Amino acid sequence: MTRQHIIDRRLAGKNKSIGNRERFLRRYKDQVREAVQRAINGRSIRDLEKGEDITIPKRDLSEPVFGHGQGGTREVVHPGNKEYVRGDRIEKPQGGQGQGSGSGQASDSGEGEDDFVFSLSKEEFMQVFFEDLALPNLVRTALAEVPEWKSHRAGFSSDGTPNNLHVVRSMRGALGRRIALGASSRREIKELEERLAELRAQPVTGDDALTRKRAAEIEEIEAQLAHLYGRMKGIPFLDPIDLRFRSRVKVPVPTTKAVMFCVMDVSGSMDEQRKELSKRFFILLYLFLTRHYDKIELVFIRHHTQAQEVTEDEFFHATETGGTVVSSALVLLDEIIQARYPTSEWNLYVAQSSDGDNWHHDSSRCREIIEQKILPLVRYYAYVQVAQTEQNLWDEYLALSEMHKHFAMRKVLDPSQIYPVFRELFKKEGVDA
């Protein structure tokens, strides 16, 4: 059996082989992944939608080599020897470094060459950042984006409901059927009527035999005409096969717009560390959505006892004191959706972050608002608690997550847990977190 090898020689930018670049990325996957994780530290959410310069230390690029160990008896013949014979002792070079050119650069780490730096494209950056992930509940769709189903005309069908009956098409089909089925009979009728007219037009003679013969033929023609007329009348005026109904089919119309709502508690109990955990989760969700939508809008809603829509800078850096009423943010969220983002044009995603603290009489109202007003409109609702203590808000949300598949909740207590929790929330079906 002959083995065949397929070599991909397509060229990328600057005549670099795509195959070689992919092998390089696979080989140094760990270093690339670490660099991508570091890239989010100094950027805002929107600025993360670009590539990154990756530095690979020189020590990680070294190739394994074979060398002779010290010791043992070796006889080596060096080419170009004109000064020494066997048995001569050769003095060591002065300085112990040989007679090299000494062109290497000084380094405090013992390495005289710079690290290798290359640019990671936006597509490669996001591929590394979101590998093995998929938007929830998109496996059943035919497109990568979330489709909106719209009804379109698809001609006519032979079955359907009475209210979709097309009368003109049905009558046109019935007329065509009657014409087709009665064509041969009408042709025979015409020929027989012409023959009957000829017989009746012949003059009467005294020959009785000829008269009887003509009368018999006339009688036979009249009988055939009666039979043909009866067959013509037997053709139904309207048959079930003539009926035509308007047909409409639903086709997926991809929507390429999405809006991401970032909801965060900024009361006194939310310190800077918890806000930083929340920011990292929001960044992950934003970058995740950029892989599936052409246009993404961000809406930032912060709340303590009252909620307001703010800019990204105010969302993450402004400080507040006082208590917490989470339902104020959910009411504002519903109002913004109703006013600016109809579900027929936008795919809605909500990411909420809180330390779990809430006015105890308000948590049940939060559950009611989310279940009745928000969940029917959004594609996915993700709640992250950045504190360990479980309070009444966690209990109410836990009941929601058990009843609604597109509502998910997790705890995040350390920056190292952000990515694993995100993978668990948005993992592909059948892929372990």
Protein backbone atom coordinates (compact mmCIF):
# COMPACT_ATOMS: atom_id res chain seq x y z
CA MET A 1 0.00 0.00 0.00
CA THR A 2 1.44 3.36 -1.04
CA ARG A 3 1.48 6.09 1.60
CA GLN A 4 0.69 9.59 0.37
CA HIS A 5 1.71 12.83 2.03
CA ILE A 6 -0.14 16.11 1.50
CA ILE A 7 1.96 19.23 2.02
CA ASP A 8 0.21 22.56 2.52
CA ARG A 9 2.30 25.15 0.71
CA ARG A 10 -0.14 28.04 1.00
CA LEU A 11 1.65 31.24 1.95
CA ALA A 12 0.62 33.61 4.68
CA GLY A 13 1.84 37.16 5.19
CA LYS A 14 5.47 37.85 4.24
CA ASN A 15 5.71 34.47 2.48
CA LYS A 16 5.54 32.48 5.70
CA SER A 17 4.10 29.02 5.41
CA ILE A 18 0.75 28.55 7.20
CA GLY A 19 1.66 24.96 8.03
CA ASN A 20 4.97 25.97 9.63
CA ARG A 21 3.26 28.71 11.66
CA GLU A 22 0.63 26.32 12.96
CA ARG A 23 3.29 23.79 13.95
CA PHE A 24 5.22 26.52 15.74
CA LEU A 25 2.13 27.58 17.69
CA ARG A 26 1.39 23.99 18.66
CA ARG A 27 4.97 23.42 19.81
CA TYR A 28 5.07 26.53 22.03
CA LYS A 29 1.44 26.40 23.05
CA ASP A 30 2.14 26.82 26.76
CA GLN A 31 4.25 29.96 26.27
CA VAL A 32 1.66 31.43 23.88
CA ARG A 33 -1.17 30.71 26.29
CA GLU A 34 0.67 32.39 29.17
CA ALA A 35 1.35 35.48 27.05
CA VAL A 36 -2.30 35.70 26.05
CA GLN A 37 -3.39 35.51 29.69
CA ARG A 38 -0.99 38.35 30.59
CA ALA A 39 -2.36 40.52 27.79
CA ILE A 40 -5.61 41.31 29.60
CA ASN A 41 -3.98 43.03 32.56
CA GLY A 42 -3.41 46.46 31.05
CA ARG A 43 -6.32 46.76 28.61
CA SER A 44 -9.96 47.74 28.76
CA ILE A 45 -12.64 45.35 27.58
CA ARG A 46 -12.89 46.80 24.06
CA ASP A 47 -9.10 47.04 23.60
CA LEU A 48 -8.68 43.31 24.01
CA GLU A 49 -10.10 42.68 20.55
CA LYS A 50 -6.71 42.61 18.81
CA GLY A 51 -3.56 40.53 18.51
CA GLU A 52 -0.53 40.38 20.77
CA ASP A 53 3.27 40.25 20.59
CA ILE A 54 4.51 36.98 22.03
CA THR A 55 8.02 36.57 23.46
CA ILE A 56 9.57 33.10 23.54
CA PRO A 57 12.71 32.88 25.77
CA LYS A 58 15.80 31.71 23.93
CA ARG A 59 16.26 28.83 26.36
CA ASP A 60 12.92 27.41 25.20
CA LEU A 61 14.01 27.47 21.55
CA SER A 62 17.20 25.41 22.01
CA GLU A 63 17.48 22.17 20.07
CA PRO A 64 18.85 18.92 21.55
CA VAL A 65 22.40 18.07 20.37
CA PHE A 66 24.80 15.17 20.80
CA GLY A 67 28.22 15.81 22.41
CA HIS A 68 31.19 13.91 23.74
CA GLY A 69 31.52 13.74 27.48
CA GLN A 70 34.73 14.43 29.35
CA GLY A 71 37.21 11.62 29.97
CA GLY A 72 38.22 8.51 28.07
CA THR A 73 40.91 8.00 25.46
CA ARG A 74 40.26 9.56 22.08
CA GLU A 75 42.38 9.90 19.01
CA VAL A 76 41.27 12.78 16.82
CA VAL A 77 42.87 13.90 13.59
CA HIS A 78 42.41 17.64 13.08
CA PRO A 79 42.58 18.83 9.46
CA GLY A 80 45.18 21.44 8.53
CA ASN A 81 47.80 20.38 11.16
CA LYS A 82 51.27 21.61 10.19
CA GLU A 83 52.89 22.15 13.60
CA TYR A 84 52.35 19.09 15.77
CA VAL A 85 53.03 15.35 15.60
CA ARG A 86 51.74 12.50 17.71
CA GLY A 87 52.84 12.75 21.33
CA ASP A 88 53.23 16.56 21.44
CA ARG A 89 51.57 18.39 24.31
CA ILE A 90 49.46 21.38 23.38
CA GLU A 91 49.13 24.28 25.78
CA LYS A 92 45.72 25.64 26.68
CA PRO A 93 44.71 28.90 25.00
CA GLN A 94 45.20 32.01 27.12
CA GLY A 95 41.99 33.05 28.95
CA GLY A 96 40.43 29.60 28.61
CA GLN A 97 37.96 30.76 25.96
CA GLY A 98 39.76 29.76 22.81
CA GLN A 99 40.72 32.10 20.03
CA GLY A 100 37.19 33.08 19.10
CA SER A 101 36.06 36.43 17.85
CA GLY A 102 34.55 37.45 21.17
CA SER A 103 31.60 39.10 19.45
CA GLY A 104 28.99 37.91 21.94
CA GLN A 105 27.05 40.44 24.03
CA ALA A 106 27.20 40.58 27.81
CA SER A 107 24.27 39.15 29.71
CA ASP A 108 23.50 38.79 33.44
CA SER A 109 21.70 35.52 32.75
CA GLY A 110 24.52 33.84 30.90
CA GLU A 111 22.76 34.10 27.52
CA GLY A 112 24.16 36.26 24.78
CA GLU A 113 21.19 36.38 22.43
CA ASP A 114 17.81 38.15 22.58
CA ASP A 115 14.54 36.29 23.09
CA PHE A 116 12.45 35.44 20.03
CA VAL A 117 9.47 37.79 19.50
CA PHE A 118 6.65 37.29 17.00
CA SER A 119 3.19 38.81 16.49
CA LEU A 120 0.06 36.82 17.21
CA SER A 121 -2.82 37.81 14.92
CA LYS A 122 -6.26 38.66 16.27
CA GLU A 123 -7.64 35.34 15.01
CA GLU A 124 -4.79 33.35 16.59
CA PHE A 125 -5.10 35.34 19.83
CA MET A 126 -8.76 34.52 20.17
CA GLN A 127 -8.29 30.92 19.06
CA VAL A 128 -5.82 30.36 21.90
CA PHE A 129 -7.96 32.28 24.37
CA PHE A 130 -11.19 30.41 23.64
CA GLU A 131 -10.15 26.98 22.44
CA ASP A 132 -12.60 24.18 23.22
CA LEU A 133 -15.38 26.68 23.97
CA ALA A 134 -18.71 27.32 22.23
CA LEU A 135 -21.68 29.57 22.79
CA PRO A 136 -24.38 27.76 24.77
CA ASN A 137 -27.25 26.07 22.94
CA LEU A 138 -25.84 26.76 19.46
CA VAL A 139 -25.18 23.13 18.56
CA ARG A 140 -28.65 22.77 17.08
CA THR A 141 -28.31 25.75 14.76
CA ALA A 142 -27.00 25.56 11.21
CA LEU A 143 -25.02 28.78 11.44
CA ALA A 144 -22.27 29.92 13.74
CA GLU A 145 -24.34 32.94 14.69
CA VAL A 146 -27.66 32.75 16.47
CA PRO A 147 -30.40 32.72 13.79
CA GLU A 148 -33.71 34.49 13.84
CA TRP A 149 -36.39 32.41 12.12
CA LYS A 150 -38.54 34.28 9.60
CA SER A 151 -41.37 33.02 7.43
CA HIS A 152 -40.94 33.25 3.66
CA ARG A 153 -43.09 32.24 0.71
CA ALA A 154 -42.10 28.90 -0.80
CA GLY A 155 -44.48 28.53 -3.74
CA PHE A 156 -47.52 26.25 -3.54
CA SER A 157 -48.17 22.79 -2.14
CA SER A 158 -50.89 20.20 -2.64
CA ASP A 159 -51.83 20.13 1.04
CA GLY A 160 -52.41 22.74 3.68
CA THR A 161 -55.04 24.46 5.77
CA PRO A 162 -58.22 25.91 4.22
CA ASN A 163 -57.23 29.47 5.08
CA ASN A 164 -54.12 29.06 2.86
CA LEU A 165 -56.13 27.82 -0.16
CA HIS A 166 -55.27 29.70 -3.36
CA VAL A 167 -58.55 29.75 -5.32
CA VAL A 168 -57.15 31.02 -8.65
CA ARG A 169 -54.35 28.45 -8.69
CA SER A 170 -56.78 25.68 -7.77
CA MET A 171 -59.29 26.62 -10.52
CA ARG A 172 -56.48 26.98 -13.04
CA GLY A 173 -55.28 23.48 -12.19
CA ALA A 174 -58.80 22.08 -12.43
CA LEU A 175 -59.30 23.68 -15.85
CA GLY A 176 -56.03 22.28 -17.12
CA ARG A 177 -56.91 18.81 -15.85
CA ARG A 178 -60.32 18.90 -17.53
CA ILE A 179 -58.78 20.05 -20.79
CA ALA A 180 -56.16 17.32 -20.69
CA LEU A 181 -58.56 14.49 -19.77
CA GLY A 182 -61.23 15.50 -22.29
CA ALA A 183 -58.98 16.23 -25.27
CA SER A 184 -59.31 12.80 -26.94
CA SER A 185 -63.06 12.64 -26.31
CA ARG A 186 -63.62 16.07 -27.83
CA ARG A 187 -61.60 15.09 -30.87
CA GLU A 188 -63.73 11.95 -31.37
CA ILE A 189 -66.94 13.93 -30.80
CA LYS A 190 -65.94 16.45 -33.46
CA GLU A 191 -65.19 13.70 -36.00
CA LEU A 192 -68.44 11.85 -35.25
CA GLU A 193 -70.53 15.02 -35.47
CA GLU A 194 -69.00 15.86 -38.84
CA ARG A 195 -69.77 12.33 -40.07
CA LEU A 196 -73.31 12.53 -38.70
CA ALA A 197 -73.86 15.84 -40.49
CA GLU A 198 -72.67 14.29 -43.78
CA LEU A 199 -75.04 11.34 -43.41
CA ARG A 200 -77.99 13.54 -42.62
CA ALA A 201 -77.15 15.83 -45.53
CA GLN A 202 -77.27 12.99 -48.08
CA PRO A 203 -80.41 13.02 -50.29
CA VAL A 204 -83.01 10.33 -49.75
CA THR A 205 -83.06 7.72 -52.56
CA GLY A 206 -85.48 4.92 -53.41
CA ASP A 207 -82.90 2.28 -52.48
CA ASP A 208 -84.20 0.73 -49.28
CA ALA A 209 -80.95 -1.11 -48.54
CA LEU A 210 -78.91 2.08 -48.75
CA THR A 211 -81.44 3.91 -46.58
CA ARG A 212 -81.35 1.20 -43.93
CA LYS A 213 -77.54 1.21 -43.95
CA ARG A 214 -77.42 5.00 -43.48
CA ALA A 215 -79.97 4.87 -40.68
CA ALA A 216 -77.99 2.16 -38.90
CA GLU A 217 -74.78 4.18 -39.14
CA ILE A 218 -76.56 7.30 -37.85
CA GLU A 219 -77.93 5.32 -34.92
CA GLU A 220 -74.48 3.92 -34.15
CA ILE A 221 -72.88 7.40 -34.29
CA GLU A 222 -75.56 8.82 -32.01
CA ALA A 223 -74.91 6.02 -29.51
CA GLN A 224 -71.17 6.74 -29.59
CA LEU A 225 -71.81 10.45 -29.14
CA ALA A 226 -74.05 9.76 -26.15
CA HIS A 227 -71.32 7.64 -24.60
CA LEU A 228 -68.65 10.29 -25.21
CA TYR A 229 -70.84 13.07 -23.80
CA GLY A 230 -71.44 10.96 -20.73
CA ARG A 231 -67.72 10.41 -20.28
CA MET A 232 -67.10 14.14 -20.60
CA LYS A 233 -69.67 14.86 -17.93
CA GLY A 234 -67.95 12.30 -15.69
CA ILE A 235 -64.83 14.45 -15.47
CA PRO A 236 -65.15 16.23 -12.07
CA PHE A 237 -65.19 20.01 -12.15
CA LEU A 238 -62.85 20.22 -9.12
CA ASP A 239 -60.75 17.33 -7.84
CA PRO A 240 -58.68 17.20 -4.60
CA ILE A 241 -55.53 16.95 -6.71
CA ASP A 242 -56.35 20.39 -8.17
CA LEU A 243 -56.18 22.16 -4.82
CA ARG A 244 -53.17 24.40 -4.29
CA PHE A 245 -52.26 25.96 -0.96
CA ARG A 246 -49.88 28.79 -0.22
CA SER A 247 -46.71 27.36 1.27
CA ARG A 248 -44.55 29.26 3.76
CA VAL A 249 -41.35 27.96 5.30
CA LYS A 250 -39.20 29.26 8.13
CA VAL A 251 -35.63 30.01 7.16
CA PRO A 252 -32.80 31.08 9.50
CA VAL A 253 -31.86 34.71 9.11
CA PRO A 254 -28.57 35.23 10.97
CA THR A 255 -28.42 38.22 13.23
CA THR A 256 -24.93 39.60 13.59
CA LYS A 257 -25.63 42.04 16.40
CA ALA A 258 -25.37 41.34 20.10
CA VAL A 259 -25.50 43.41 23.26
CA MET A 260 -23.74 42.46 26.47
CA PHE A 261 -25.09 43.85 29.73
CA CYS A 262 -22.54 44.09 32.55
CA VAL A 263 -24.29 44.35 35.92
CA MET A 264 -22.16 44.80 39.04
CA ASP A 265 -22.67 45.65 42.70
CA VAL A 266 -20.57 48.69 43.68
CA SER A 267 -21.70 49.01 47.29
CA GLY A 268 -19.26 49.34 50.15
CA SER A 269 -18.77 45.57 50.47
CA MET A 270 -17.35 45.33 46.92
CA ASP A 271 -13.66 46.17 47.29
CA GLU A 272 -11.16 46.66 44.45
CA GLN A 273 -10.08 43.03 44.45
CA ARG A 274 -13.64 41.83 43.90
CA LYS A 275 -14.16 44.43 41.19
CA GLU A 276 -11.00 43.17 39.46
CA LEU A 277 -12.35 39.61 39.52
CA SER A 278 -15.59 40.86 38.00
CA LYS A 279 -13.75 42.78 35.28
CA ARG A 280 -11.83 39.71 34.19
CA PHE A 281 -15.02 37.73 33.85
CA PHE A 282 -16.67 40.50 31.81
CA ILE A 283 -13.61 40.62 29.55
CA LEU A 284 -13.82 36.89 28.91
CA LEU A 285 -17.48 37.06 27.94
CA TYR A 286 -16.93 40.05 25.66
CA LEU A 287 -14.05 38.41 23.80
CA PHE A 288 -16.03 35.21 23.58
CA LEU A 289 -18.93 36.97 21.87
CA THR A 290 -16.65 38.72 19.36
CA ARG A 291 -16.02 35.32 17.79
CA HIS A 292 -19.69 35.01 16.83
CA TYR A 293 -21.00 38.51 16.18
CA ASP A 294 -19.93 41.35 13.89
CA LYS A 295 -21.25 44.09 16.13
CA ILE A 296 -21.33 44.03 19.92
CA GLU A 297 -22.53 46.81 22.19
CA LEU A 298 -21.66 47.06 25.87
CA VAL A 299 -24.05 48.39 28.49
CA PHE A 300 -22.68 48.95 32.00
CA ILE A 301 -25.14 49.01 34.90
CA ARG A 302 -23.83 49.56 38.42
CA HIS A 303 -25.92 49.57 41.55
CA HIS A 304 -25.94 49.91 45.29
CA THR A 305 -29.33 50.92 46.66
CA GLN A 306 -29.99 52.58 43.30
CA ALA A 307 -28.92 51.65 39.78
CA GLN A 308 -27.64 53.72 36.87
CA GLU A 309 -26.12 53.21 33.43
CA VAL A 310 -22.52 54.47 33.36
CA THR A 311 -19.37 54.44 31.24
CA GLU A 312 -16.82 51.67 31.50
CA ASP A 313 -14.39 53.83 33.48
CA GLU A 314 -17.05 54.78 36.03
CA PHE A 315 -18.25 51.20 36.14
CA PHE A 316 -14.92 49.79 37.33
CA HIS A 317 -13.32 52.69 39.20
CA ALA A 318 -16.01 54.75 40.90
CA THR A 319 -16.55 53.98 44.57
CA GLU A 320 -19.77 53.99 46.55
CA THR A 321 -20.87 53.31 50.10
CA GLY A 322 -24.09 52.09 51.61
CA GLY A 323 -26.37 49.11 51.26
CA THR A 324 -27.39 46.93 48.32
CA VAL A 325 -30.69 46.55 46.44
CA VAL A 326 -30.03 44.28 43.46
CA SER A 327 -33.54 44.56 42.00
CA SER A 328 -32.91 48.22 41.12
CA ALA A 329 -30.33 47.08 38.53
CA LEU A 330 -32.65 44.41 37.12
CA VAL A 331 -35.50 46.90 36.70
CA LEU A 332 -33.17 49.29 34.84
CA LEU A 333 -31.90 46.39 32.71
CA ASP A 334 -35.44 45.51 31.63
CA GLU A 335 -36.21 49.14 30.81
CA ILE A 336 -33.11 49.48 28.61
CA ILE A 337 -33.95 46.26 26.74
CA GLN A 338 -37.49 47.40 26.06
CA ALA A 339 -36.39 50.86 24.92
CA ARG A 340 -33.31 50.12 22.79
CA TYR A 341 -32.73 46.45 22.07
CA PRO A 342 -35.66 44.53 20.52
CA THR A 343 -35.04 40.79 20.46
CA SER A 344 -35.93 40.66 16.76
CA GLU A 345 -32.72 42.58 16.00
CA TRP A 346 -30.37 41.86 18.90
CA ASN A 347 -29.00 38.84 20.73
CA LEU A 348 -28.98 39.67 24.43
CA TYR A 349 -26.44 38.43 27.00
CA VAL A 350 -26.28 39.39 30.67
CA ALA A 351 -23.29 39.00 33.00
CA GLN A 352 -23.91 39.89 36.64
CA SER A 353 -21.31 40.06 39.38
CA SER A 354 -21.91 40.51 43.10
CA ASP A 355 -20.57 39.52 46.49
CA GLY A 356 -23.98 38.03 47.28
CA ASP A 357 -24.97 40.74 49.73
CA ASN A 358 -28.51 42.06 49.27
CA TRP A 359 -31.35 43.48 51.32
CA HIS A 360 -33.08 40.32 52.54
CA HIS A 361 -36.57 41.41 51.41
CA ASP A 362 -35.31 42.12 47.88
CA SER A 363 -33.89 38.74 46.80
CA SER A 364 -37.25 37.13 46.06
CA ARG A 365 -38.17 40.14 43.91
CA CYS A 366 -34.89 39.70 41.98
CA ARG A 367 -35.83 36.13 41.16
CA GLU A 368 -39.30 37.21 40.03
CA ILE A 369 -37.94 39.94 37.72
CA ILE A 370 -35.34 37.68 36.15
CA GLU A 371 -37.71 34.77 35.62
CA GLN A 372 -40.68 36.72 34.27
CA LYS A 373 -39.11 39.65 32.40
CA ILE A 374 -35.45 39.04 31.57
CA LEU A 375 -34.92 35.32 30.91
CA PRO A 376 -37.60 35.16 28.16
CA LEU A 377 -35.64 37.82 26.26
CA VAL A 378 -31.97 36.91 26.68
CA ARG A 379 -29.85 34.19 25.11
CA TYR A 380 -27.83 33.59 28.25
CA TYR A 381 -27.61 34.94 31.79
CA ALA A 382 -24.42 34.30 33.77
CA TYR A 383 -24.11 35.21 37.44
CA VAL A 384 -20.75 35.18 39.25
CA GLN A 385 -20.43 35.61 42.98
CA VAL A 386 -17.03 36.92 44.09
CA ALA A 387 -17.44 35.96 47.74
CA GLN A 388 -17.62 32.66 49.59
CA THR A 389 -20.58 33.32 51.88
CA GLU A 390 -23.93 32.16 50.51
CA GLN A 391 -26.79 34.45 51.38
CA ASN A 392 -30.45 34.60 50.40
CA LEU A 393 -29.65 35.99 46.93
CA TRP A 394 -27.60 32.87 46.16
CA ASP A 395 -30.46 30.63 47.26
CA GLU A 396 -32.98 32.43 45.04
CA TYR A 397 -30.64 32.30 42.03
CA LEU A 398 -29.90 28.64 42.67
CA ALA A 399 -33.58 27.84 42.25
CA LEU A 400 -33.55 29.73 38.93
CA SER A 401 -30.55 27.80 37.60
CA GLU A 402 -32.30 24.49 38.29
CA MET A 403 -35.32 25.47 36.21
CA HIS A 404 -33.71 27.42 33.34
CA LYS A 405 -30.85 26.04 31.25
CA HIS A 406 -29.76 29.45 29.99
CA PHE A 407 -29.24 30.77 33.52
CA ALA A 408 -25.92 29.77 35.08
CA MET A 409 -24.17 30.74 38.31
CA ARG A 410 -20.74 30.07 39.83
CA LYS A 411 -18.40 31.34 42.54
CA VAL A 412 -15.03 32.97 41.86
CA LEU A 413 -12.72 33.71 44.78
CA ASP A 414 -9.32 34.03 43.11
CA PRO A 415 -8.05 35.28 39.71
CA SER A 416 -6.81 31.80 38.89
CA GLN A 417 -10.42 30.55 39.07
CA ILE A 418 -11.80 32.99 36.49
CA TYR A 419 -10.91 31.02 33.39
CA PRO A 420 -11.91 27.55 34.71
CA VAL A 421 -15.28 28.93 35.86
CA PHE A 422 -15.81 30.60 32.49
CA ARG A 423 -15.00 27.35 30.68
CA GLU A 424 -17.48 25.51 32.86
CA LEU A 425 -20.23 28.04 32.13
CA PHE A 426 -19.69 28.09 28.37
CA LYS A 427 -18.22 24.68 27.60
CA LYS A 428 -19.30 22.72 24.54
CA GLU A 429 -21.86 20.00 25.02
CA GLY A 430 -20.05 16.78 25.84
CA VAL A 431 -16.75 18.55 26.78
CA ASP A 432 -15.59 18.36 30.37
CA ALA A 433 -14.75 21.62 32.04
